[in-house]
Amino acid sequence: MEQATGVEEDSSQRSAIVQPPRLVTYSFAHTLVPTYECFNRCTYCNFRAEPGRSPWLSLSDLAQQLPLLRQRGVCEVLVLSGEVAPGSPRRADWLHHIRQICELALEAGLLPHTNAGPLNRAEMAQLREVNVSMGLMVEQVTPKLLETVHRHAPSKRPEVRLNQLIQAGELSIPFTTGLLLGLGETEADWVESLGAIATIHHHYGHIQEVILQPHSPGQRQLQPGMALSELALIRAVQLAKDHLPPEIAIQIPPNLVSPAGLLACLEAGARDLGGLSPIDEVNPDYDHPTPESLRDAIAPAGWQLRPRLPVYPQYDPWLPTPLRSLVKTWRNSLTNL
């Protein structure tokens, strides 16, 4: 009997050793804003400036800045722009400006990911050539928000946002989308929005991540609002896990939750913390934590933080050949960490 007990203990110990680690990913990123000007007027926005009142990012200054980012280990350049209105005489120049920013990032050995609001198919095709992935938040598909927070935001119409996801799928663009939570929608609206994303992904297979972003009041928004509770965010993570395909990563912004809330979201199914850069341009009142502080926060619960690229490995074959080569170089460097 004693010998048999010893064998059972050894087997149990070996089982514990070979269990896979609990991994959480992030991207070491830097955000570039081509312009803050935006023709939408969302009541909760802490980002926008009035059209014509935001200078466009200087390309000459950027050309000097980008190599320094590369030396610091930054891999992702998040190109996050306010929207010049469709039909505006400056729209073509705006898109060309964004493309030039992406080209400069690639020349510096960095990987661009652009979120510039809804684009038409030709515009998306242009940016596909110089981005390893792209993104656009669905936010919510319920039309009732067009009567409240999106009353003066033409590009926030649900059909416009969902059509962007479809176009990305048709163009084979690895894509990030997400929900903004706490705008006045219901839990049933969350489920409907998640279901719409899942349906499009089932057809095209191109959604990498779904961000669950809790509304967090800032000093610049037009109307005051309540922050989404962490219990509600945890519930949203649970619903996302239930209604999204398992290959889609659920992402939460770590600067918008407490350490305890972060761990609870991970236990509920979140597996990614997004692009970490010094400033969260969308929520400038909430600084991003550093990778080191996040490692310290999640390690006691058995989680390991791992860097990733802004394009997931299964989508590498979708990329234009020049981008694929650069991504391969980055993948090799991550393997050696």
Protein backbone atom coordinates (compact mmCIF):
# COMPACT_ATOMS: atom_id res chain seq x y z
CA MET A 1 0.00 0.00 0.00
CA GLU A 2 2.82 2.41 0.85
CA GLN A 3 4.47 1.82 -2.54
CA ALA A 4 1.21 2.46 -4.39
CA THR A 5 0.70 5.73 -2.47
CA GLY A 6 4.15 6.91 -3.49
CA VAL A 7 3.40 6.27 -7.16
CA GLU A 8 0.19 8.29 -6.92
CA GLU A 9 2.04 11.22 -5.37
CA ASP A 10 4.72 11.15 -8.07
CA SER A 11 2.06 11.07 -10.77
CA SER A 12 0.25 14.02 -9.20
CA GLN A 13 3.47 16.00 -9.01
CA ARG A 14 4.28 15.32 -12.67
CA SER A 15 0.76 16.42 -13.65
CA ALA A 16 1.22 19.72 -11.83
CA ILE A 17 4.54 20.34 -13.55
CA VAL A 18 3.28 19.86 -17.11
CA GLN A 19 0.19 22.06 -16.76
CA PRO A 20 0.40 24.90 -19.32
CA PRO A 21 0.94 28.40 -17.93
CA ARG A 22 -1.94 30.83 -17.76
CA LEU A 23 -0.99 33.40 -20.37
CA VAL A 24 -2.09 36.99 -20.83
CA THR A 25 -0.83 38.94 -23.84
CA TYR A 26 -0.14 42.58 -24.64
CA SER A 27 1.49 44.60 -27.38
CA PHE A 28 4.32 47.05 -26.68
CA ALA A 29 2.83 49.98 -28.56
CA HIS A 30 3.05 53.69 -29.22
CA THR A 31 0.02 55.71 -30.31
CA LEU A 32 0.27 58.27 -33.10
CA VAL A 33 -2.61 60.67 -33.73
CA PRO A 34 -2.67 62.06 -37.29
CA THR A 35 -5.32 64.57 -36.15
CA TYR A 36 -7.72 64.96 -33.26
CA GLU A 37 -10.29 66.72 -35.41
CA CYS A 38 -13.50 64.77 -35.88
CA PHE A 39 -16.84 65.50 -37.49
CA ASN A 40 -18.65 63.33 -34.92
CA ARG A 41 -19.74 64.80 -31.59
CA CYS A 42 -20.15 61.85 -29.24
CA THR A 43 -21.17 63.14 -25.81
CA TYR A 44 -18.68 60.92 -23.94
CA CYS A 45 -15.61 61.64 -26.07
CA ASN A 46 -12.39 62.88 -24.45
CA PHE A 47 -10.40 62.76 -27.70
CA ARG A 48 -11.87 64.99 -30.41
CA ALA A 49 -11.21 68.53 -31.50
CA GLU A 50 -13.39 70.66 -33.76
CA PRO A 51 -12.68 70.28 -37.50
CA GLY A 52 -9.89 72.63 -38.54
CA ARG A 53 -8.66 73.13 -34.96
CA SER A 54 -6.17 70.29 -34.68
CA PRO A 55 -2.83 70.50 -36.53
CA TRP A 56 -1.98 67.37 -38.46
CA LEU A 57 0.95 65.32 -37.21
CA SER A 58 4.24 66.53 -38.65
CA LEU A 59 5.82 63.89 -40.86
CA SER A 60 9.31 65.37 -40.55
CA ASP A 61 9.16 65.26 -36.75
CA LEU A 62 7.77 61.74 -36.93
CA ALA A 63 10.61 60.53 -39.16
CA GLN A 64 13.04 61.48 -36.39
CA GLN A 65 10.90 59.99 -33.62
CA LEU A 66 10.17 56.54 -35.04
CA PRO A 67 13.73 55.10 -34.98
CA LEU A 68 13.92 56.03 -31.28
CA LEU A 69 10.74 54.06 -30.62
CA ARG A 70 12.26 51.04 -32.34
CA GLN A 71 15.36 51.31 -30.16
CA ARG A 72 13.14 51.26 -27.05
CA GLY A 73 11.59 47.97 -28.16
CA VAL A 74 8.24 49.33 -29.35
CA CYS A 75 6.80 47.01 -32.00
CA GLU A 76 3.30 48.41 -32.70
CA VAL A 77 2.44 51.86 -33.98
CA LEU A 78 -1.24 52.44 -33.30
CA VAL A 79 -2.39 55.08 -35.79
CA LEU A 80 -5.50 56.46 -34.13
CA SER A 81 -7.17 59.31 -35.95
CA GLY A 82 -10.14 61.57 -35.65
CA GLU A 83 -12.40 61.47 -38.68
CA VAL A 84 -12.49 63.92 -41.55
CA ALA A 85 -16.00 63.73 -42.94
CA PRO A 86 -16.72 61.62 -46.03
CA GLY A 87 -17.20 64.00 -48.91
CA SER A 88 -14.93 66.64 -47.38
CA PRO A 89 -12.43 68.15 -49.88
CA ARG A 90 -9.71 67.27 -47.34
CA ARG A 91 -10.66 63.59 -47.05
CA ALA A 92 -8.18 62.37 -49.70
CA ASP A 93 -5.33 64.38 -48.14
CA TRP A 94 -6.23 62.99 -44.72
CA LEU A 95 -6.10 59.40 -45.93
CA HIS A 96 -2.81 60.05 -47.76
CA HIS A 97 -1.40 61.54 -44.56
CA ILE A 98 -2.34 58.39 -42.62
CA ARG A 99 -0.78 56.21 -45.29
CA GLN A 100 2.46 58.22 -45.15
CA ILE A 101 2.58 57.75 -41.36
CA CYS A 102 2.25 54.00 -41.83
CA GLU A 103 4.94 53.97 -44.50
CA LEU A 104 7.35 55.84 -42.21
CA ALA A 105 6.61 53.36 -39.42
CA LEU A 106 7.38 50.42 -41.71
CA GLU A 107 10.62 52.06 -42.86
CA ALA A 108 11.63 52.30 -39.19
CA GLY A 109 10.93 48.58 -38.74
CA LEU A 110 7.68 49.07 -36.80
CA LEU A 111 4.29 47.43 -37.34
CA PRO A 112 1.34 49.78 -38.02
CA HIS A 113 -2.22 49.15 -36.88
CA THR A 114 -4.71 51.82 -37.98
CA ASN A 115 -8.06 52.81 -36.54
CA ALA A 116 -9.33 55.87 -38.41
CA GLY A 117 -13.08 55.40 -38.20
CA PRO A 118 -15.24 53.98 -40.99
CA LEU A 119 -13.53 53.88 -44.38
CA ASN A 120 -14.89 52.99 -47.78
CA ARG A 121 -13.63 49.89 -49.52
CA ALA A 122 -11.06 51.71 -51.68
CA GLU A 123 -9.66 53.51 -48.62
CA MET A 124 -9.38 50.26 -46.70
CA ALA A 125 -7.64 48.61 -49.64
CA GLN A 126 -5.06 51.41 -49.70
CA LEU A 127 -4.30 51.12 -46.00
CA ARG A 128 -4.20 47.33 -46.14
CA GLU A 129 -0.93 47.62 -48.08
CA VAL A 130 0.79 49.40 -45.17
CA ASN A 131 -0.88 47.89 -42.06
CA VAL A 132 -0.43 44.48 -40.48
CA SER A 133 -3.91 44.81 -38.95
CA MET A 134 -6.66 47.38 -38.61
CA GLY A 135 -9.52 48.10 -36.26
CA LEU A 136 -12.82 49.80 -35.57
CA MET A 137 -15.04 49.57 -32.51
CA VAL A 138 -18.58 48.45 -33.19
CA GLU A 139 -19.45 50.06 -29.83
CA GLN A 140 -23.12 48.92 -29.80
CA VAL A 141 -25.52 47.80 -32.52
CA THR A 142 -28.66 49.10 -30.83
CA PRO A 143 -30.05 52.10 -32.77
CA LYS A 144 -31.43 53.75 -29.62
CA LEU A 145 -28.02 55.34 -28.90
CA LEU A 146 -28.51 57.45 -32.04
CA GLU A 147 -31.12 59.31 -30.00
CA THR A 148 -28.76 59.98 -27.08
CA VAL A 149 -24.95 59.81 -26.99
CA HIS A 150 -24.61 59.38 -30.78
CA ARG A 151 -27.22 61.92 -31.80
CA HIS A 152 -24.56 64.04 -33.54
CA ALA A 153 -22.30 61.20 -34.66
CA PRO A 154 -23.16 60.09 -38.21
CA SER A 155 -20.41 57.46 -38.42
CA LYS A 156 -21.70 55.69 -35.28
CA ARG A 157 -24.70 54.24 -37.08
CA PRO A 158 -24.62 50.48 -36.39
CA GLU A 159 -24.95 49.50 -40.05
CA VAL A 160 -21.91 51.65 -40.90
CA ARG A 161 -19.77 50.01 -38.23
CA LEU A 162 -20.83 46.48 -39.11
CA ASN A 163 -20.26 47.12 -42.81
CA GLN A 164 -16.68 48.04 -41.95
CA LEU A 165 -16.20 44.61 -40.39
CA ILE A 166 -17.64 42.98 -43.50
CA GLN A 167 -15.36 44.96 -45.80
CA ALA A 168 -12.36 44.02 -43.69
CA GLY A 169 -13.33 40.38 -44.06
CA GLU A 170 -13.75 40.70 -47.82
CA LEU A 171 -10.30 42.30 -48.05
CA SER A 172 -8.69 39.71 -45.71
CA ILE A 173 -7.60 42.31 -43.17
CA PRO A 174 -6.82 40.98 -39.66
CA PHE A 175 -9.17 43.05 -37.55
CA THR A 176 -9.82 44.26 -34.02
CA THR A 177 -13.21 45.48 -32.91
CA GLY A 178 -15.03 45.88 -29.63
CA LEU A 179 -17.85 47.15 -27.47
CA LEU A 180 -18.02 50.38 -25.51
CA LEU A 181 -19.95 49.58 -22.34
CA GLY A 182 -22.00 51.91 -20.21
CA LEU A 183 -23.53 54.28 -22.78
CA GLY A 184 -27.11 53.54 -21.76
CA GLU A 185 -27.44 50.15 -23.43
CA THR A 186 -28.69 46.95 -21.79
CA GLU A 187 -27.13 43.55 -21.24
CA ALA A 188 -29.37 42.25 -24.03
CA ASP A 189 -27.79 44.88 -26.29
CA TRP A 190 -24.35 43.50 -25.39
CA VAL A 191 -25.44 40.04 -26.42
CA GLU A 192 -26.84 41.37 -29.70
CA SER A 193 -23.61 43.24 -30.47
CA LEU A 194 -21.45 40.23 -29.65
CA GLY A 195 -23.67 38.06 -31.79
CA ALA A 196 -23.34 40.42 -34.76
CA ILE A 197 -19.54 40.32 -34.47
CA ALA A 198 -19.54 36.53 -34.18
CA THR A 199 -21.76 36.15 -37.25
CA ILE A 200 -19.43 38.22 -39.40
CA HIS A 201 -16.38 36.38 -38.07
CA HIS A 202 -17.95 33.00 -38.83
CA HIS A 203 -18.18 34.08 -42.46
CA TYR A 204 -14.70 35.60 -42.88
CA GLY A 205 -12.58 34.40 -39.94
CA HIS A 206 -10.73 37.70 -39.58
CA ILE A 207 -11.55 39.06 -36.10
CA GLN A 208 -8.47 38.82 -33.87
CA GLU A 209 -9.76 40.53 -30.76
CA VAL A 210 -12.85 42.04 -29.22
CA ILE A 211 -12.18 44.86 -26.78
CA LEU A 212 -14.56 45.35 -23.87
CA GLN A 213 -14.05 48.99 -22.95
CA PRO A 214 -15.93 50.32 -19.92
CA HIS A 215 -17.04 53.92 -20.11
CA SER A 216 -14.73 55.84 -17.80
CA PRO A 217 -15.65 59.52 -17.34
CA GLY A 218 -13.05 62.09 -18.33
CA GLN A 219 -12.62 65.82 -17.96
CA ARG A 220 -13.26 66.71 -21.61
CA GLN A 221 -16.51 64.92 -22.39
CA LEU A 222 -19.52 67.02 -23.34
CA GLN A 223 -21.93 65.45 -20.87
CA PRO A 224 -21.17 63.82 -17.50
CA GLY A 225 -21.65 60.10 -17.22
CA MET A 226 -21.31 57.27 -14.75
CA ALA A 227 -18.42 54.82 -14.93
CA LEU A 228 -19.38 51.24 -15.69
CA SER A 229 -19.06 49.13 -12.55
CA GLU A 230 -16.41 46.43 -12.46
CA LEU A 231 -19.08 43.84 -11.71
CA ALA A 232 -20.78 44.81 -14.98
CA LEU A 233 -17.47 44.56 -16.85
CA ILE A 234 -16.85 41.09 -15.44
CA ARG A 235 -20.34 40.10 -16.58
CA ALA A 236 -19.55 41.45 -20.05
CA VAL A 237 -16.41 39.29 -20.18
CA GLN A 238 -18.48 36.25 -19.25
CA LEU A 239 -21.01 37.02 -22.00
CA ALA A 240 -18.23 37.56 -24.54
CA LYS A 241 -16.74 34.19 -23.68
CA ASP A 242 -20.17 32.60 -24.15
CA HIS A 243 -21.07 34.33 -27.43
CA LEU A 244 -17.78 34.73 -29.30
CA PRO A 245 -15.82 31.97 -31.04
CA PRO A 246 -12.97 30.72 -28.83
CA GLU A 247 -10.28 31.83 -31.28
CA ILE A 248 -11.21 35.51 -30.74
CA ALA A 249 -9.23 37.02 -27.86
CA ILE A 250 -11.21 39.02 -25.31
CA GLN A 251 -9.34 42.21 -24.47
CA ILE A 252 -9.79 44.59 -21.54
CA PRO A 253 -7.96 47.91 -20.98
CA PRO A 254 -5.91 47.43 -17.79
CA ASN A 255 -5.86 51.16 -17.03
CA LEU A 256 -9.66 51.21 -16.64
CA VAL A 257 -9.92 48.51 -13.94
CA SER A 258 -8.55 48.01 -10.45
CA PRO A 259 -5.98 45.25 -9.82
CA ALA A 260 -8.73 43.10 -8.29
CA GLY A 261 -11.02 43.82 -11.24
CA LEU A 262 -8.26 42.90 -13.66
CA LEU A 263 -7.78 39.50 -12.03
CA ALA A 264 -11.53 38.91 -11.97
CA CYS A 265 -11.78 39.69 -15.69
CA LEU A 266 -8.96 37.24 -16.42
CA GLU A 267 -10.70 34.53 -14.44
CA ALA A 268 -13.89 35.28 -16.40
CA GLY A 269 -12.16 34.78 -19.75
CA ALA A 270 -10.20 37.89 -20.79
CA ARG A 271 -6.81 37.00 -22.26
CA ASP A 272 -5.36 40.21 -23.72
CA LEU A 273 -4.53 43.68 -22.38
CA GLY A 274 -4.13 45.51 -25.69
CA GLY A 275 -1.45 47.92 -26.77
CA LEU A 276 0.38 49.48 -23.83
CA SER A 277 1.77 52.95 -24.42
CA PRO A 278 2.45 55.79 -21.97
CA ILE A 279 -0.76 57.68 -22.83
CA ASP A 280 -4.22 56.30 -23.51
CA GLU A 281 -5.35 58.85 -26.11
CA VAL A 282 -9.00 57.77 -25.86
CA ASN A 283 -8.99 57.94 -22.04
CA PRO A 284 -6.25 60.49 -21.28
CA ASP A 285 -7.27 60.73 -17.61
CA TYR A 286 -6.22 57.09 -17.09
CA ASP A 287 -2.54 56.32 -17.65
CA HIS A 288 -1.59 52.87 -18.85
CA PRO A 289 0.30 50.67 -16.40
CA THR A 290 3.72 49.41 -17.41
CA PRO A 291 4.28 45.79 -18.41
CA GLU A 292 6.45 45.40 -15.30
CA SER A 293 3.69 46.58 -12.95
CA LEU A 294 1.15 44.33 -14.69
CA ARG A 295 3.44 41.31 -14.33
CA ASP A 296 3.71 42.02 -10.62
CA ALA A 297 -0.07 42.40 -10.31
CA ILE A 298 -1.04 39.15 -12.03
CA ALA A 299 1.85 36.83 -11.13
CA PRO A 300 0.59 35.97 -7.60
CA ALA A 301 -2.57 34.54 -9.19
CA GLY A 302 -0.52 32.35 -11.53
CA TRP A 303 -0.77 34.47 -14.70
CA GLN A 304 2.15 35.14 -17.04
CA LEU A 305 2.33 38.28 -19.20
CA ARG A 306 3.65 37.73 -22.72
CA PRO A 307 4.31 40.27 -25.49
CA ARG A 308 2.61 39.78 -28.85
CA LEU A 309 2.53 41.48 -32.23
CA PRO A 310 -0.43 43.52 -33.53
CA VAL A 311 -1.13 40.70 -35.98
CA TYR A 312 -1.85 37.21 -34.66
CA PRO A 313 0.24 34.33 -36.12
CA GLN A 314 -2.63 32.65 -37.97
CA TYR A 315 -3.04 35.77 -40.11
CA ASP A 316 0.58 36.11 -41.27
CA PRO A 317 -0.19 34.44 -44.64
CA TRP A 318 -2.82 37.09 -45.34
CA LEU A 319 -0.28 39.93 -45.32
CA PRO A 320 1.35 41.48 -48.39
CA THR A 321 4.80 39.98 -48.89
CA PRO A 322 6.87 42.98 -47.66
CA LEU A 323 4.85 43.12 -44.43
CA ARG A 324 5.10 39.37 -43.97
CA SER A 325 8.88 39.57 -44.02
CA LEU A 326 8.97 42.27 -41.34
CA VAL A 327 6.49 40.38 -39.17
CA LYS A 328 8.64 37.25 -39.43
CA THR A 329 11.62 39.21 -38.13
CA TRP A 330 9.58 40.40 -35.18
CA ARG A 331 8.27 36.91 -34.47
CA ASN A 332 11.82 35.61 -34.31
CA SER A 333 12.76 38.32 -31.82
CA LEU A 334 9.80 37.48 -29.58
CA THR A 335 10.74 33.80 -29.65
CA ASN A 336 14.14 34.70 -28.25
CA LEU A 337 12.75 36.65 -25.29
